[in-house]
Amino acid sequence: CRRSHLSLCSSLFSSRETYNALTNWLTDARTLASPNIVIILCGNKKDLDADREVTFLEASRFAQENELMFLETSALTGENVEEAFLKCARTILNKIETGNLCKSVNSS
């Protein structure tokens, strides 16, 4: 229970290159982290819709196929930034309450 329980992945959907790297990053995260890791994919820079190279549908499908939570966010406007952290916190709390996650990373 000493491994990471949360990973927040931020990808620029205005960059096909960063989106294509998600599969490798996800493999690494799942290999190195807790088996019950909570992962949320945040498509950052939602405010730059005109510059996007990855569609909402494509990113949403990737998240669903890889069992990730998904939100599009904008650090500039603050859109969905707090919601991303709240979704993660609620999911982790639920896993703790149902016994699917340790309460403390210091537990064994």
C-alpha atoms as a PDB file:
ATOM      1  CA  CYS A   1       0.000   0.000   0.000  1.00  0.00           C
ATOM      2  CA  ARG A   2       3.013   2.301  -0.403  1.00  0.00           C
ATOM      3  CA  ARG A   3       2.470   3.010  -4.078  1.00  0.00           C
ATOM      4  CA  SER A   4       0.712   6.001  -5.591  1.00  0.00           C
ATOM      5  CA  HIS A   5      -3.082   5.880  -5.540  1.00  0.00           C
ATOM      6  CA  LEU A   6      -3.757   8.840  -7.815  1.00  0.00           C
ATOM      7  CA  SER A   7      -2.500  10.033 -11.130  1.00  0.00           C
ATOM      8  CA  LEU A   8      -3.755  13.138 -12.829  1.00  0.00           C
ATOM      9  CA  CYS A   9      -2.698  13.116 -16.445  1.00  0.00           C
ATOM     10  CA  SER A  10      -2.878  16.372 -18.320  1.00  0.00           C
ATOM     11  CA  SER A  11      -2.648  16.210 -22.085  1.00  0.00           C
ATOM     12  CA  LEU A  12      -2.704  19.050 -24.550  1.00  0.00           C
ATOM     13  CA  PHE A  13      -5.353  18.204 -27.091  1.00  0.00           C
ATOM     14  CA  SER A  14      -3.838  20.883 -29.263  1.00  0.00           C
ATOM     15  CA  SER A  15      -0.877  18.511 -29.678  1.00  0.00           C
ATOM     16  CA  ARG A  16      -1.267  15.140 -31.378  1.00  0.00           C
ATOM     17  CA  GLU A  17       2.232  14.228 -30.151  1.00  0.00           C
ATOM     18  CA  THR A  18       1.345  14.494 -26.443  1.00  0.00           C
ATOM     19  CA  TYR A  19      -1.920  12.630 -27.010  1.00  0.00           C
ATOM     20  CA  ASN A  20      -0.087   9.790 -28.779  1.00  0.00           C
ATOM     21  CA  ALA A  21       2.280   9.490 -25.805  1.00  0.00           C
ATOM     22  CA  LEU A  22      -0.612   8.770 -23.413  1.00  0.00           C
ATOM     23  CA  THR A  23      -0.577   5.020 -24.031  1.00  0.00           C
ATOM     24  CA  ASN A  24       3.075   4.713 -22.966  1.00  0.00           C
ATOM     25  CA  TRP A  25       2.546   6.979 -19.979  1.00  0.00           C
ATOM     26  CA  LEU A  26      -0.516   5.004 -18.906  1.00  0.00           C
ATOM     27  CA  THR A  27       1.413   1.727 -19.090  1.00  0.00           C
ATOM     28  CA  ASP A  28       4.162   3.190 -16.904  1.00  0.00           C
ATOM     29  CA  ALA A  29       1.679   4.572 -14.372  1.00  0.00           C
ATOM     30  CA  ARG A  30      -0.140   1.276 -14.038  1.00  0.00           C
ATOM     31  CA  THR A  31       3.114  -0.660 -13.753  1.00  0.00           C
ATOM     32  CA  LEU A  32       4.598   1.524 -11.028  1.00  0.00           C
ATOM     33  CA  ALA A  33       1.529   2.522  -9.027  1.00  0.00           C
ATOM     34  CA  SER A  34      -1.000   0.820  -6.805  1.00  0.00           C
ATOM     35  CA  PRO A  35      -3.162  -1.757  -8.614  1.00  0.00           C
ATOM     36  CA  ASN A  36      -6.193   0.323  -7.589  1.00  0.00           C
ATOM     37  CA  ILE A  37      -4.805   3.604  -8.898  1.00  0.00           C
ATOM     38  CA  VAL A  38      -7.319   6.308  -9.738  1.00  0.00           C
ATOM     39  CA  ILE A  39      -6.422   7.992 -13.008  1.00  0.00           C
ATOM     40  CA  ILE A  40      -8.079  11.010 -14.540  1.00  0.00           C
ATOM     41  CA  LEU A  41      -7.261  12.267 -18.001  1.00  0.00           C
ATOM     42  CA  CYS A  42      -7.516  16.033 -18.227  1.00  0.00           C
ATOM     43  CA  GLY A  43      -7.576  17.509 -21.693  1.00  0.00           C
ATOM     44  CA  ASN A  44      -5.966  20.837 -20.911  1.00  0.00           C
ATOM     45  CA  LYS A  45      -6.259  24.136 -22.768  1.00  0.00           C
ATOM     46  CA  LYS A  46      -9.961  23.685 -23.496  1.00  0.00           C
ATOM     47  CA  ASP A  47     -10.011  27.431 -24.099  1.00  0.00           C
ATOM     48  CA  LEU A  48      -7.970  26.873 -27.293  1.00  0.00           C
ATOM     49  CA  ASP A  49     -10.669  24.879 -29.112  1.00  0.00           C
ATOM     50  CA  ALA A  50      -9.660  26.310 -32.497  1.00  0.00           C
ATOM     51  CA  ASP A  51      -6.150  24.846 -32.151  1.00  0.00           C
ATOM     52  CA  ARG A  52      -7.138  21.325 -31.120  1.00  0.00           C
ATOM     53  CA  GLU A  53      -5.733  18.300 -32.953  1.00  0.00           C
ATOM     54  CA  VAL A  54      -7.576  15.700 -30.847  1.00  0.00           C
ATOM     55  CA  THR A  55     -11.371  15.705 -30.793  1.00  0.00           C
ATOM     56  CA  PHE A  56     -13.455  15.432 -27.644  1.00  0.00           C
ATOM     57  CA  LEU A  57     -14.918  12.172 -28.960  1.00  0.00           C
ATOM     58  CA  GLU A  58     -11.490  10.652 -29.629  1.00  0.00           C
ATOM     59  CA  ALA A  59     -10.196  11.565 -26.158  1.00  0.00           C
ATOM     60  CA  SER A  60     -13.413  10.438 -24.502  1.00  0.00           C
ATOM     61  CA  ARG A  61     -13.216   7.055 -26.237  1.00  0.00           C
ATOM     62  CA  PHE A  62      -9.573   6.651 -25.202  1.00  0.00           C
ATOM     63  CA  ALA A  63     -10.527   7.359 -21.591  1.00  0.00           C
ATOM     64  CA  GLN A  64     -13.434   4.912 -21.691  1.00  0.00           C
ATOM     65  CA  GLU A  65     -11.383   2.152 -23.344  1.00  0.00           C
ATOM     66  CA  ASN A  66      -8.664   2.579 -20.705  1.00  0.00           C
ATOM     67  CA  GLU A  67     -11.039   2.932 -17.731  1.00  0.00           C
ATOM     68  CA  LEU A  68     -10.033   6.529 -16.988  1.00  0.00           C
ATOM     69  CA  MET A  69     -12.081   9.394 -15.723  1.00  0.00           C
ATOM     70  CA  PHE A  70     -12.078  12.224 -18.250  1.00  0.00           C
ATOM     71  CA  LEU A  71     -12.589  15.970 -18.208  1.00  0.00           C
ATOM     72  CA  GLU A  72     -11.567  18.790 -20.470  1.00  0.00           C
ATOM     73  CA  THR A  73     -10.017  21.614 -18.472  1.00  0.00           C
ATOM     74  CA  SER A  74      -8.633  25.101 -18.852  1.00  0.00           C
ATOM     75  CA  ALA A  75      -6.002  26.399 -16.481  1.00  0.00           C
ATOM     76  CA  LEU A  76      -6.509  29.838 -18.050  1.00  0.00           C
ATOM     77  CA  THR A  77     -10.223  30.090 -17.242  1.00  0.00           C
ATOM     78  CA  GLY A  78     -10.257  27.567 -14.392  1.00  0.00           C
ATOM     79  CA  GLU A  79     -12.941  25.510 -16.117  1.00  0.00           C
ATOM     80  CA  ASN A  80     -13.217  22.012 -14.599  1.00  0.00           C
ATOM     81  CA  VAL A  81      -9.894  22.318 -12.723  1.00  0.00           C
ATOM     82  CA  GLU A  82     -11.475  22.046  -9.278  1.00  0.00           C
ATOM     83  CA  GLU A  83     -13.931  19.435 -10.572  1.00  0.00           C
ATOM     84  CA  ALA A  84     -11.020  17.215 -11.675  1.00  0.00           C
ATOM     85  CA  PHE A  85      -9.616  17.132  -8.143  1.00  0.00           C
ATOM     86  CA  LEU A  86     -13.062  16.663  -6.602  1.00  0.00           C
ATOM     87  CA  LYS A  87     -13.822  13.700  -8.888  1.00  0.00           C
ATOM     88  CA  CYS A  88     -10.539  12.079  -7.885  1.00  0.00           C
ATOM     89  CA  ALA A  89     -11.120  12.712  -4.188  1.00  0.00           C
ATOM     90  CA  ARG A  90     -14.650  11.269  -4.344  1.00  0.00           C
ATOM     91  CA  THR A  91     -13.428   8.181  -6.189  1.00  0.00           C
ATOM     92  CA  ILE A  92     -10.559   7.580  -3.766  1.00  0.00           C
ATOM     93  CA  LEU A  93     -12.846   8.064  -0.759  1.00  0.00           C
ATOM     94  CA  ASN A  94     -15.312   5.580  -2.234  1.00  0.00           C
ATOM     95  CA  LYS A  95     -12.523   3.028  -2.751  1.00  0.00           C
ATOM     96  CA  ILE A  96     -11.362   3.488   0.855  1.00  0.00           C
ATOM     97  CA  GLU A  97     -14.911   3.102   2.183  1.00  0.00           C
ATOM     98  CA  THR A  98     -15.458  -0.092   0.176  1.00  0.00           C
ATOM     99  CA  GLY A  99     -12.101  -1.545   1.257  1.00  0.00           C
ATOM    100  CA  ASN A 100     -10.530  -1.368  -2.196  1.00  0.00           C
ATOM    101  CA  LEU A 101      -7.807   1.047  -1.111  1.00  0.00           C
ATOM    102  CA  CYS A 102      -5.689   1.519   2.015  1.00  0.00           C
ATOM    103  CA  LYS A 103      -6.538   4.506   4.214  1.00  0.00           C
ATOM    104  CA  SER A 104      -2.913   5.580   4.492  1.00  0.00           C
ATOM    105  CA  VAL A 105       0.150   5.118   2.316  1.00  0.00           C
ATOM    106  CA  ASN A 106       1.947   4.261   5.567  1.00  0.00           C
ATOM    107  CA  SER A 107      -0.297   1.210   6.111  1.00  0.00           C
ATOM    108  CA  SER A 108       0.806  -2.244   5.024  1.00  0.00           C
END
